[in-house]
């Protein structure tokens, strides 16, 4: 049985769609509502490494701008900002073992299976 953790925002349509896709495959993921339980900077770094993307690629531009974060900041500042303001993190993110996938579109979360 595959264990999947889903960094989820229940108010996000894409995040809800990703959760539904996993459940249709018989997988009940561990759900982390990341706005209520934000990931720490080390957790964000670990996820970025698994996704193999820079921090700026995980940044929600509109939300980031509202809290003073920009894609031209250095990696450490962006990660620290995401940890402090989790609304700036793209979602959903599925993690399983050493694999992670950003669910944009929602179907991408199935790549961790």
PDB file of N, CA and C in Angstrom:
ATOM      1  N   UNK A   1       0.848  -1.200   0.000  1.00  0.00           N
ATOM      2  CA  UNK A   1       0.000   0.000   0.000  1.00  0.00           C
ATOM      3  C   UNK A   1       0.879   1.243   0.000  1.00  0.00           C
ATOM      4  N   UNK A   2       0.602   2.139  -0.920  1.00  0.00           N
ATOM      5  CA  UNK A   2       1.342   3.376  -1.045  1.00  0.00           C
ATOM      6  C   UNK A   2       0.869   4.377   0.003  1.00  0.00           C
ATOM      7  N   UNK A   3       1.825   4.956   0.724  1.00  0.00           N
ATOM      8  CA  UNK A   3       1.504   5.997   1.687  1.00  0.00           C
ATOM      9  C   UNK A   3       1.754   7.341   1.020  1.00  0.00           C
ATOM     10  N   UNK A   4       0.729   8.176   1.008  1.00  0.00           N
ATOM     11  CA  UNK A   4       0.831   9.483   0.372  1.00  0.00           C
ATOM     12  C   UNK A   4       0.451  10.552   1.386  1.00  0.00           C
ATOM     13  N   UNK A   5       1.234  11.631   1.401  1.00  0.00           N
ATOM     14  CA  UNK A   5       0.903  12.807   2.191  1.00  0.00           C
ATOM     15  C   UNK A   5       0.512  13.894   1.203  1.00  0.00           C
ATOM     16  N   UNK A   6      -0.594  14.562   1.475  1.00  0.00           N
ATOM     17  CA  UNK A   6      -1.067  15.620   0.587  1.00  0.00           C
ATOM     18  C   UNK A   6      -1.085  16.936   1.344  1.00  0.00           C
ATOM     19  N   UNK A   7      -0.266  17.889   0.865  1.00  0.00           N
ATOM     20  CA  UNK A   7      -0.307  19.254   1.383  1.00  0.00           C
ATOM     21  C   UNK A   7      -1.483  19.901   0.670  1.00  0.00           C
ATOM     22  N   UNK A   8      -2.520  20.198   1.432  1.00  0.00           N
ATOM     23  CA  UNK A   8      -3.858  20.438   0.894  1.00  0.00           C
ATOM     24  C   UNK A   8      -4.450  21.738   1.424  1.00  0.00           C
ATOM     25  N   UNK A   9      -5.213  22.396   0.560  1.00  0.00           N
ATOM     26  CA  UNK A   9      -6.028  23.539   0.960  1.00  0.00           C
ATOM     27  C   UNK A   9      -7.455  23.194   0.538  1.00  0.00           C
ATOM     28  N   UNK A  10      -8.332  22.903   1.505  1.00  0.00           N
ATOM     29  CA  UNK A  10      -9.688  22.478   1.153  1.00  0.00           C
ATOM     30  C   UNK A  10     -10.494  23.543   0.400  1.00  0.00           C
ATOM     31  N   UNK A  11     -10.047  24.797   0.413  1.00  0.00           N
ATOM     32  CA  UNK A  11     -10.754  25.857  -0.308  1.00  0.00           C
ATOM     33  C   UNK A  11     -10.313  25.964  -1.768  1.00  0.00           C
ATOM     34  N   UNK A  12      -9.292  25.193  -2.136  1.00  0.00           N
ATOM     35  CA  UNK A  12      -8.737  25.239  -3.493  1.00  0.00           C
ATOM     36  C   UNK A  12      -9.363  24.132  -4.349  1.00  0.00           C
ATOM     37  N   UNK A  13      -9.934  24.504  -5.480  1.00  0.00           N
ATOM     38  CA  UNK A  13     -10.588  23.528  -6.368  1.00  0.00           C
ATOM     39  C   UNK A  13      -9.592  22.473  -6.850  1.00  0.00           C
ATOM     40  N   UNK A  14      -8.392  22.897  -7.243  1.00  0.00           N
ATOM     41  CA  UNK A  14      -7.389  21.952  -7.743  1.00  0.00           C
ATOM     42  C   UNK A  14      -6.969  20.977  -6.644  1.00  0.00           C
ATOM     43  N   UNK A  15      -6.821  21.493  -5.435  1.00  0.00           N
ATOM     44  CA  UNK A  15      -6.441  20.645  -4.312  1.00  0.00           C
ATOM     45  C   UNK A  15      -7.533  19.604  -4.018  1.00  0.00           C
ATOM     46  N   UNK A  16      -8.773  20.032  -4.048  1.00  0.00           N
ATOM     47  CA  UNK A  16      -9.890  19.094  -3.834  1.00  0.00           C
ATOM     48  C   UNK A  16      -9.937  18.048  -4.939  1.00  0.00           C
ATOM     49  N   UNK A  17      -9.676  18.458  -6.178  1.00  0.00           N
ATOM     50  CA  UNK A  17      -9.675  17.521  -7.304  1.00  0.00           C
ATOM     51  C   UNK A  17      -8.563  16.483  -7.144  1.00  0.00           C
ATOM     52  N   UNK A  18      -7.389  16.919  -6.688  1.00  0.00           N
ATOM     53  CA  UNK A  18      -6.270  15.990  -6.475  1.00  0.00           C
ATOM     54  C   UNK A  18      -6.618  14.970  -5.395  1.00  0.00           C
ATOM     55  N   UNK A  19      -7.235  15.427  -4.324  1.00  0.00           N
ATOM     56  CA  UNK A  19      -7.644  14.527  -3.246  1.00  0.00           C
ATOM     57  C   UNK A  19      -8.645  13.500  -3.773  1.00  0.00           C
ATOM     58  N   UNK A  20      -9.587  13.946  -4.575  1.00  0.00           N
ATOM     59  CA  UNK A  20     -10.586  13.040  -5.149  1.00  0.00           C
ATOM     60  C   UNK A  20      -9.930  11.997  -6.059  1.00  0.00           C
ATOM     61  N   UNK A  21      -8.950  12.421  -6.863  1.00  0.00           N
ATOM     62  CA  UNK A  21      -8.235  11.479  -7.747  1.00  0.00           C
ATOM     63  C   UNK A  21      -7.534  10.387  -6.942  1.00  0.00           C
ATOM     64  N   UNK A  22      -6.868  10.778  -5.862  1.00  0.00           N
ATOM     65  CA  UNK A  22      -6.187   9.786  -5.013  1.00  0.00           C
ATOM     66  C   UNK A  22      -7.203   8.813  -4.407  1.00  0.00           C
ATOM     67  N   UNK A  23      -8.300   9.354  -3.896  1.00  0.00           N
ATOM     68  CA  UNK A  23      -9.323   8.508  -3.274  1.00  0.00           C
ATOM     69  C   UNK A  23      -9.955   7.556  -4.284  1.00  0.00           C
ATOM     70  N   UNK A  24     -10.126   7.994  -5.530  1.00  0.00           N
ATOM     71  CA  UNK A  24     -10.686   7.117  -6.566  1.00  0.00           C
ATOM     72  C   UNK A  24      -9.759   5.940  -6.848  1.00  0.00           C
ATOM     73  N   UNK A  25      -8.495   6.090  -6.541  1.00  0.00           N
ATOM     74  CA  UNK A  25      -7.519   5.009  -6.719  1.00  0.00           C
ATOM     75  C   UNK A  25      -7.354   4.194  -5.430  1.00  0.00           C
ATOM     76  N   UNK A  26      -8.231   4.448  -4.457  1.00  0.00           N
ATOM     77  CA  UNK A  26      -8.209   3.690  -3.215  1.00  0.00           C
ATOM     78  C   UNK A  26      -7.155   4.154  -2.227  1.00  0.00           C
ATOM     79  N   UNK A  27      -6.648   5.354  -2.422  1.00  0.00           N
ATOM     80  CA  UNK A  27      -5.610   5.872  -1.521  1.00  0.00           C
ATOM     81  C   UNK A  27      -6.202   6.961  -0.645  1.00  0.00           C
ATOM     82  N   UNK A  28      -6.113   6.759   0.646  1.00  0.00           N
ATOM     83  CA  UNK A  28      -6.542   7.779   1.599  1.00  0.00           C
ATOM     84  C   UNK A  28      -5.267   8.435   2.130  1.00  0.00           C
ATOM     85  N   UNK A  29      -4.922   9.599   1.578  1.00  0.00           N
ATOM     86  CA  UNK A  29      -3.662  10.227   1.974  1.00  0.00           C
ATOM     87  C   UNK A  29      -3.719  10.823   3.372  1.00  0.00           C
ATOM     88  N   UNK A  30      -2.552  10.995   3.959  1.00  0.00           N
ATOM     89  CA  UNK A  30      -2.431  11.794   5.168  1.00  0.00           C
ATOM     90  C   UNK A  30      -2.554  13.230   4.687  1.00  0.00           C
ATOM     91  N   UNK A  31      -3.520  13.944   5.216  1.00  0.00           N
ATOM     92  CA  UNK A  31      -3.764  15.301   4.750  1.00  0.00           C
ATOM     93  C   UNK A  31      -3.150  16.302   5.718  1.00  0.00           C
ATOM     94  N   UNK A  32      -2.337  17.184   5.159  1.00  0.00           N
ATOM     95  CA  UNK A  32      -1.794  18.288   5.939  1.00  0.00           C
ATOM     96  C   UNK A  32      -2.410  19.561   5.376  1.00  0.00           C
ATOM     97  N   UNK A  33      -3.291  20.168   6.159  1.00  0.00           N
ATOM     98  CA  UNK A  33      -3.846  21.451   5.750  1.00  0.00           C
ATOM     99  C   UNK A  33      -2.757  22.477   6.045  1.00  0.00           C
ATOM    100  N   UNK A  34      -1.960  22.757   5.026  1.00  0.00           N
ATOM    101  CA  UNK A  34      -0.725  23.502   5.248  1.00  0.00           C
ATOM    102  C   UNK A  34      -0.942  24.946   5.675  1.00  0.00           C
ATOM    103  N   UNK A  35      -2.153  25.475   5.538  1.00  0.00           N
ATOM    104  CA  UNK A  35      -2.409  26.821   6.059  1.00  0.00           C
ATOM    105  C   UNK A  35      -2.583  26.783   7.573  1.00  0.00           C
ATOM    106  N   UNK A  36      -3.083  25.656   8.087  1.00  0.00           N
ATOM    107  CA  UNK A  36      -3.246  25.486   9.539  1.00  0.00           C
ATOM    108  C   UNK A  36      -1.970  24.948  10.173  1.00  0.00           C
ATOM    109  N   UNK A  37      -1.251  24.092   9.451  1.00  0.00           N
ATOM    110  CA  UNK A  37      -0.013  23.474   9.932  1.00  0.00           C
ATOM    111  C   UNK A  37       1.061  23.720   8.874  1.00  0.00           C
ATOM    112  N   UNK A  38       1.645  24.922   8.872  1.00  0.00           N
ATOM    113  CA  UNK A  38       2.615  25.250   7.821  1.00  0.00           C
ATOM    114  C   UNK A  38       3.881  24.401   7.897  1.00  0.00           C
ATOM    115  N   UNK A  39       4.425  24.059   6.742  1.00  0.00           N
ATOM    116  CA  UNK A  39       5.700  23.339   6.739  1.00  0.00           C
ATOM    117  C   UNK A  39       6.820  24.285   7.192  1.00  0.00           C
ATOM    118  N   UNK A  40       7.817  23.726   7.838  1.00  0.00           N
ATOM    119  CA  UNK A  40       8.976  24.511   8.261  1.00  0.00           C
ATOM    120  C   UNK A  40       9.891  24.742   7.059  1.00  0.00           C
ATOM    121  N   UNK A  41      10.839  25.650   7.208  1.00  0.00           N
ATOM    122  CA  UNK A  41      11.802  25.895   6.127  1.00  0.00           C
ATOM    123  C   UNK A  41      12.528  24.598   5.735  1.00  0.00           C
ATOM    124  N   UNK A  42      13.009  23.777   6.698  1.00  0.00           N
ATOM    125  CA  UNK A  42      13.653  22.513   6.299  1.00  0.00           C
ATOM    126  C   UNK A  42      12.704  21.571   5.541  1.00  0.00           C
ATOM    127  N   UNK A  43      11.414  21.547   5.932  1.00  0.00           N
ATOM    128  CA  UNK A  43      10.447  20.707   5.206  1.00  0.00           C
ATOM    129  C   UNK A  43      10.269  21.218   3.779  1.00  0.00           C
ATOM    130  N   UNK A  44      10.184  22.523   3.624  1.00  0.00           N
ATOM    131  CA  UNK A  44      10.028  23.110   2.285  1.00  0.00           C
ATOM    132  C   UNK A  44      11.245  22.766   1.435  1.00  0.00           C
ATOM    133  N   UNK A  45      12.443  22.863   2.005  1.00  0.00           N
ATOM    134  CA  UNK A  45      13.674  22.513   1.271  1.00  0.00           C
ATOM    135  C   UNK A  45      13.647  21.054   0.826  1.00  0.00           C
ATOM    136  N   UNK A  46      13.181  20.176   1.715  1.00  0.00           N
ATOM    137  CA  UNK A  46      13.107  18.743   1.399  1.00  0.00           C
ATOM    138  C   UNK A  46      12.136  18.507   0.239  1.00  0.00           C
ATOM    139  N   UNK A  47      10.992  19.173   0.292  1.00  0.00           N
ATOM    140  CA  UNK A  47       9.988  19.037  -0.770  1.00  0.00           C
ATOM    141  C   UNK A  47      10.533  19.586  -2.090  1.00  0.00           C
ATOM    142  N   UNK A  48      11.176  20.748  -2.037  1.00  0.00           N
ATOM    143  CA  UNK A  48      11.750  21.341  -3.254  1.00  0.00           C
ATOM    144  C   UNK A  48      12.766  20.399  -3.890  1.00  0.00           C
ATOM    145  N   UNK A  49      13.579  19.754  -3.043  1.00  0.00           N
ATOM    146  CA  UNK A  49      14.587  18.814  -3.557  1.00  0.00           C
ATOM    147  C   UNK A  49      13.904  17.637  -4.258  1.00  0.00           C
ATOM    148  N   UNK A  50      12.834  17.116  -3.640  1.00  0.00           N
ATOM    149  CA  UNK A  50      12.095  16.003  -4.259  1.00  0.00           C
ATOM    150  C   UNK A  50      11.416  16.435  -5.556  1.00  0.00           C
ATOM    151  N   UNK A  51      10.910  17.676  -5.585  1.00  0.00           N
ATOM    152  CA  UNK A  51      10.265  18.190  -6.791  1.00  0.00           C
ATOM    153  C   UNK A  51      11.291  18.561  -7.864  1.00  0.00           C
ATOM    154  N   UNK A  52      12.526  18.770  -7.415  1.00  0.00           N
ATOM    155  CA  UNK A  52      13.620  19.182  -8.296  1.00  0.00           C
ATOM    156  C   UNK A  52      13.307  20.512  -8.991  1.00  0.00           C
ATOM    157  N   UNK A  53      12.836  21.464  -8.180  1.00  0.00           N
ATOM    158  CA  UNK A  53      12.555  22.804  -8.675  1.00  0.00           C
ATOM    159  C   UNK A  53      13.113  23.832  -7.696  1.00  0.00           C
ATOM    160  N   UNK A  54      13.384  25.051  -8.178  1.00  0.00           N
ATOM    161  CA  UNK A  54      13.807  26.115  -7.265  1.00  0.00           C
ATOM    162  C   UNK A  54      12.600  26.653  -6.494  1.00  0.00           C
ATOM    163  N   UNK A  55      12.863  27.300  -5.386  1.00  0.00           N
ATOM    164  CA  UNK A  55      11.780  27.831  -4.539  1.00  0.00           C
ATOM    165  C   UNK A  55      10.852  28.758  -5.316  1.00  0.00           C
ATOM    166  N   UNK A  56      11.413  29.578  -6.206  1.00  0.00           N
ATOM    167  CA  UNK A  56      10.568  30.535  -6.933  1.00  0.00           C
ATOM    168  C   UNK A  56       9.512  29.830  -7.795  1.00  0.00           C
ATOM    169  N   UNK A  57       9.763  28.587  -8.187  1.00  0.00           N
ATOM    170  CA  UNK A  57       8.799  27.831  -8.988  1.00  0.00           C
ATOM    171  C   UNK A  57       7.616  27.338  -8.146  1.00  0.00           C
ATOM    172  N   UNK A  58       7.754  27.385  -6.832  1.00  0.00           N
ATOM    173  CA  UNK A  58       6.691  26.929  -5.931  1.00  0.00           C
ATOM    174  C   UNK A  58       5.918  28.115  -5.340  1.00  0.00           C
ATOM    175  N   UNK A  59       6.279  29.301  -5.766  1.00  0.00           N
ATOM    176  CA  UNK A  59       5.708  30.524  -5.215  1.00  0.00           C
ATOM    177  C   UNK A  59       4.449  30.938  -5.968  1.00  0.00           C
ATOM    178  N   UNK A  60       3.400  31.228  -5.228  1.00  0.00           N
ATOM    179  CA  UNK A  60       2.172  31.785  -5.806  1.00  0.00           C
ATOM    180  C   UNK A  60       2.387  33.290  -5.914  1.00  0.00           C
ATOM    181  N   UNK A  61       2.501  33.790  -7.115  1.00  0.00           N
ATOM    182  CA  UNK A  61       2.941  35.168  -7.360  1.00  0.00           C
ATOM    183  C   UNK A  61       2.059  36.223  -6.690  1.00  0.00           C
ATOM    184  N   UNK A  62       0.750  36.138  -6.888  1.00  0.00           N
ATOM    185  CA  UNK A  62      -0.160  37.153  -6.340  1.00  0.00           C
ATOM    186  C   UNK A  62      -0.079  37.195  -4.809  1.00  0.00           C
ATOM    187  N   UNK A  63      -0.136  36.023  -4.181  1.00  0.00           N
ATOM    188  CA  UNK A  63      -0.083  35.947  -2.722  1.00  0.00           C
ATOM    189  C   UNK A  63       1.295  36.379  -2.209  1.00  0.00           C
ATOM    190  N   UNK A  64       2.338  36.010  -2.944  1.00  0.00           N
ATOM    191  CA  UNK A  64       3.704  36.377  -2.558  1.00  0.00           C
ATOM    192  C   UNK A  64       3.873  37.891  -2.579  1.00  0.00           C
ATOM    193  N   UNK A  65       3.374  38.505  -3.629  1.00  0.00           N
ATOM    194  CA  UNK A  65       3.485  39.965  -3.757  1.00  0.00           C
ATOM    195  C   UNK A  65       2.813  40.663  -2.574  1.00  0.00           C
ATOM    196  N   UNK A  66       1.682  40.121  -2.148  1.00  0.00           N
ATOM    197  CA  UNK A  66       0.931  40.718  -1.041  1.00  0.00           C
ATOM    198  C   UNK A  66       1.714  40.724   0.271  1.00  0.00           C
ATOM    199  N   UNK A  67       2.668  39.788   0.425  1.00  0.00           N
ATOM    200  CA  UNK A  67       3.467  39.733   1.664  1.00  0.00           C
ATOM    201  C   UNK A  67       4.919  40.168   1.436  1.00  0.00           C
ATOM    202  N   UNK A  68       5.182  40.725   0.242  1.00  0.00           N
ATOM    203  CA  UNK A  68       6.509  41.268  -0.029  1.00  0.00           C
ATOM    204  C   UNK A  68       7.543  40.276  -0.540  1.00  0.00           C
ATOM    205  N   UNK A  69       7.092  39.128  -1.038  1.00  0.00           N
ATOM    206  CA  UNK A  69       8.024  38.153  -1.621  1.00  0.00           C
ATOM    207  C   UNK A  69       8.011  38.276  -3.139  1.00  0.00           C
ATOM    208  N   UNK A  70       9.186  38.129  -3.747  1.00  0.00           N
ATOM    209  CA  UNK A  70       9.261  38.150  -5.204  1.00  0.00           C
ATOM    210  C   UNK A  70      10.154  37.014  -5.681  1.00  0.00           C
ATOM    211  N   UNK A  71       9.957  36.625  -6.943  1.00  0.00           N
ATOM    212  CA  UNK A  71      10.716  35.519  -7.517  1.00  0.00           C
ATOM    213  C   UNK A  71      12.202  35.846  -7.702  1.00  0.00           C
ATOM    214  N   UNK A  72      12.568  37.137  -7.636  1.00  0.00           N
ATOM    215  CA  UNK A  72      13.982  37.473  -7.813  1.00  0.00           C
ATOM    216  C   UNK A  72      14.764  37.498  -6.500  1.00  0.00           C
ATOM    217  N   UNK A  73      14.102  37.190  -5.386  1.00  0.00           N
ATOM    218  CA  UNK A  73      14.804  37.070  -4.100  1.00  0.00           C
ATOM    219  C   UNK A  73      15.640  35.793  -4.109  1.00  0.00           C
ATOM    220  N   UNK A  74      16.603  35.712  -3.193  1.00  0.00           N
ATOM    221  CA  UNK A  74      17.396  34.483  -3.148  1.00  0.00           C
ATOM    222  C   UNK A  74      16.586  33.346  -2.523  1.00  0.00           C
ATOM    223  N   UNK A  75      17.036  32.146  -2.801  1.00  0.00           N
ATOM    224  CA  UNK A  75      16.359  30.908  -2.406  1.00  0.00           C
ATOM    225  C   UNK A  75      16.001  30.897  -0.908  1.00  0.00           C
ATOM    226  N   UNK A  76      16.963  31.239  -0.060  1.00  0.00           N
ATOM    227  CA  UNK A  76      16.740  31.202   1.392  1.00  0.00           C
ATOM    228  C   UNK A  76      15.630  32.158   1.823  1.00  0.00           C
ATOM    229  N   UNK A  77      15.598  33.357   1.237  1.00  0.00           N
ATOM    230  CA  UNK A  77      14.565  34.337   1.594  1.00  0.00           C
ATOM    231  C   UNK A  77      13.189  33.854   1.147  1.00  0.00           C
ATOM    232  N   UNK A  78      13.128  33.286  -0.025  1.00  0.00           N
ATOM    233  CA  UNK A  78      11.839  32.780  -0.521  1.00  0.00           C
ATOM    234  C   UNK A  78      11.342  31.649   0.381  1.00  0.00           C
ATOM    235  N   UNK A  79      12.220  30.719   0.721  1.00  0.00           N
ATOM    236  CA  UNK A  79      11.833  29.590   1.589  1.00  0.00           C
ATOM    237  C   UNK A  79      11.397  30.088   2.962  1.00  0.00           C
ATOM    238  N   UNK A  80      12.135  31.017   3.534  1.00  0.00           N
ATOM    239  CA  UNK A  80      11.770  31.577   4.846  1.00  0.00           C
ATOM    240  C   UNK A  80      10.408  32.270   4.749  1.00  0.00           C
ATOM    241  N   UNK A  81      10.183  32.974   3.643  1.00  0.00           N
ATOM    242  CA  UNK A  81       8.904  33.647   3.448  1.00  0.00           C
ATOM    243  C   UNK A  81       7.749  32.675   3.299  1.00  0.00           C
ATOM    244  N   UNK A  82       7.995  31.568   2.600  1.00  0.00           N
ATOM    245  CA  UNK A  82       6.945  30.550   2.438  1.00  0.00           C
ATOM    246  C   UNK A  82       6.607  29.908   3.786  1.00  0.00           C
ATOM    247  N   UNK A  83       7.630  29.675   4.605  1.00  0.00           N
ATOM    248  CA  UNK A  83       7.392  29.080   5.927  1.00  0.00           C
ATOM    249  C   UNK A  83       6.572  30.036   6.800  1.00  0.00           C
ATOM    250  N   UNK A  84       6.851  31.321   6.670  1.00  0.00           N
ATOM    251  CA  UNK A  84       6.150  32.333   7.470  1.00  0.00           C
ATOM    252  C   UNK A  84       4.753  32.611   6.919  1.00  0.00           C
ATOM    253  N   UNK A  85       4.610  32.562   5.596  1.00  0.00           N
ATOM    254  CA  UNK A  85       3.343  32.864   4.915  1.00  0.00           C
ATOM    255  C   UNK A  85       2.971  31.695   3.993  1.00  0.00           C
ATOM    256  N   UNK A  86       2.439  30.595   4.553  1.00  0.00           N
ATOM    257  CA  UNK A  86       2.192  29.399   3.738  1.00  0.00           C
ATOM    258  C   UNK A  86       1.195  29.607   2.592  1.00  0.00           C
ATOM    259  N   UNK A  87       0.407  30.677   2.638  1.00  0.00           N
ATOM    260  CA  UNK A  87      -0.528  30.959   1.543  1.00  0.00           C
ATOM    261  C   UNK A  87       0.231  31.186   0.235  1.00  0.00           C
ATOM    262  N   UNK A  88       1.536  31.463   0.328  1.00  0.00           N
ATOM    263  CA  UNK A  88       2.346  31.733  -0.870  1.00  0.00           C
ATOM    264  C   UNK A  88       2.837  30.461  -1.553  1.00  0.00           C
ATOM    265  N   UNK A  89       2.558  29.293  -0.980  1.00  0.00           N
ATOM    266  CA  UNK A  89       3.028  28.018  -1.532  1.00  0.00           C
ATOM    267  C   UNK A  89       1.990  27.457  -2.509  1.00  0.00           C
ATOM    268  N   UNK A  90       2.451  27.072  -3.705  1.00  0.00           N
ATOM    269  CA  UNK A  90       1.567  26.402  -4.666  1.00  0.00           C
ATOM    270  C   UNK A  90       1.032  25.121  -4.050  1.00  0.00           C
ATOM    271  N   UNK A  91      -0.150  24.740  -4.443  1.00  0.00           N
ATOM    272  CA  UNK A  91      -0.764  23.511  -3.941  1.00  0.00           C
ATOM    273  C   UNK A  91      -1.578  22.892  -5.039  1.00  0.00           C
ATOM    274  N   UNK A  92      -1.918  21.634  -4.851  1.00  0.00           N
ATOM    275  CA  UNK A  92      -1.530  20.692  -3.800  1.00  0.00           C
ATOM    276  C   UNK A  92      -0.175  20.067  -4.107  1.00  0.00           C
ATOM    277  N   UNK A  93       0.448  19.550  -3.072  1.00  0.00           N
ATOM    278  CA  UNK A  93       1.707  18.820  -3.234  1.00  0.00           C
ATOM    279  C   UNK A  93       1.496  17.436  -2.628  1.00  0.00           C
ATOM    280  N   UNK A  94       1.780  16.414  -3.423  1.00  0.00           N
ATOM    281  CA  UNK A  94       1.689  15.032  -2.943  1.00  0.00           C
ATOM    282  C   UNK A  94       3.107  14.520  -2.723  1.00  0.00           C
ATOM    283  N   UNK A  95       3.309  13.844  -1.591  1.00  0.00           N
ATOM    284  CA  UNK A  95       4.613  13.279  -1.261  1.00  0.00           C
ATOM    285  C   UNK A  95       4.423  11.810  -0.914  1.00  0.00           C
ATOM    286  N   UNK A  96       5.284  10.974  -1.480  1.00  0.00           N
ATOM    287  CA  UNK A  96       5.274   9.551  -1.163  1.00  0.00           C
ATOM    288  C   UNK A  96       6.704   9.047  -1.239  1.00  0.00           C
ATOM    289  N   UNK A  97       7.218   8.583  -0.098  1.00  0.00           N
ATOM    290  CA  UNK A  97       8.600   8.113  -0.066  1.00  0.00           C
ATOM    291  C   UNK A  97       9.547   9.239  -0.419  1.00  0.00           C
ATOM    292  N   UNK A  98      10.368   9.024  -1.457  1.00  0.00           N
ATOM    293  CA  UNK A  98      11.323  10.044  -1.889  1.00  0.00           C
ATOM    294  C   UNK A  98      10.822  10.830  -3.094  1.00  0.00           C
ATOM    295  N   UNK A  99       9.530  10.696  -3.386  1.00  0.00           N
ATOM    296  CA  UNK A  99       8.955  11.368  -4.555  1.00  0.00           C
ATOM    297  C   UNK A  99       7.934  12.408  -4.119  1.00  0.00           C
ATOM    298  N   UNK A 100       7.851  13.464  -4.920  1.00  0.00           N
ATOM    299  CA  UNK A 100       6.847  14.501  -4.687  1.00  0.00           C
ATOM    300  C   UNK A 100       6.355  14.989  -6.030  1.00  0.00           C
ATOM    301  N   UNK A 101       5.134  15.504  -6.046  1.00  0.00           N
ATOM    302  CA  UNK A 101       4.564  16.057  -7.274  1.00  0.00           C
ATOM    303  C   UNK A 101       3.679  17.239  -6.917  1.00  0.00           C
ATOM    304  N   UNK A 102       3.815  18.300  -7.699  1.00  0.00           N
ATOM    305  CA  UNK A 102       2.958  19.463  -7.561  1.00  0.00           C
ATOM    306  C   UNK A 102       1.730  19.223  -8.423  1.00  0.00           C
ATOM    307  N   UNK A 103       0.574  19.241  -7.816  1.00  0.00           N
ATOM    308  CA  UNK A 103      -0.667  18.921  -8.508  1.00  0.00           C
ATOM    309  C   UNK A 103      -1.227  20.042  -9.354  1.00  0.00           C
ATOM    310  N   UNK A 104      -0.467  20.502 -10.318  1.00  0.00           N
ATOM    311  CA  UNK A 104      -0.904  21.542 -11.259  1.00  0.00           C
ATOM    312  C   UNK A 104      -0.601  21.048 -12.654  1.00  0.00           C
ATOM    313  N   UNK A 105      -1.534  20.418 -13.339  1.00  0.00           N
ATOM    314  CA  UNK A 105      -2.918  20.141 -12.957  1.00  0.00           C
ATOM    315  C   UNK A 105      -3.019  19.019 -11.916  1.00  0.00           C
ATOM    316  N   UNK A 106      -4.211  18.857 -11.379  1.00  0.00           N
ATOM    317  CA  UNK A 106      -4.459  17.918 -10.274  1.00  0.00           C
ATOM    318  C   UNK A 106      -3.918  16.509 -10.567  1.00  0.00           C
ATOM    319  N   UNK A 107      -4.020  16.065 -11.823  1.00  0.00           N
ATOM    320  CA  UNK A 107      -3.597  14.709 -12.202  1.00  0.00           C
ATOM    321  C   UNK A 107      -2.122  14.439 -11.905  1.00  0.00           C
ATOM    322  N   UNK A 108      -1.323  15.491 -11.825  1.00  0.00           N
ATOM    323  CA  UNK A 108       0.117  15.318 -11.572  1.00  0.00           C
ATOM    324  C   UNK A 108       0.399  14.646 -10.231  1.00  0.00           C
ATOM    325  N   UNK A 109      -0.525  14.744  -9.253  1.00  0.00           N
ATOM    326  CA  UNK A 109      -0.269  14.097  -7.961  1.00  0.00           C
ATOM    327  C   UNK A 109      -0.158  12.585  -8.115  1.00  0.00           C
ATOM    328  N   UNK A 110      -0.722  12.045  -9.166  1.00  0.00           N
ATOM    329  CA  UNK A 110      -0.673  10.590  -9.381  1.00  0.00           C
ATOM    330  C   UNK A 110       0.737  10.118  -9.730  1.00  0.00           C
ATOM    331  N   UNK A 111       1.633  11.039 -10.078  1.00  0.00           N
ATOM    332  CA  UNK A 111       3.024  10.684 -10.405  1.00  0.00           C
ATOM    333  C   UNK A 111       3.770  10.096  -9.206  1.00  0.00           C
ATOM    334  N   UNK A 112       3.295  10.306  -7.984  1.00  0.00           N
ATOM    335  CA  UNK A 112       3.985   9.758  -6.813  1.00  0.00           C
ATOM    336  C   UNK A 112       3.598   8.307  -6.541  1.00  0.00           C
ATOM    337  N   UNK A 113       2.580   7.813  -7.253  1.00  0.00           N
ATOM    338  CA  UNK A 113       2.105   6.440  -7.005  1.00  0.00           C
ATOM    339  C   UNK A 113       3.013   5.403  -7.645  1.00  0.00           C
TER     340      UNK A 113
END
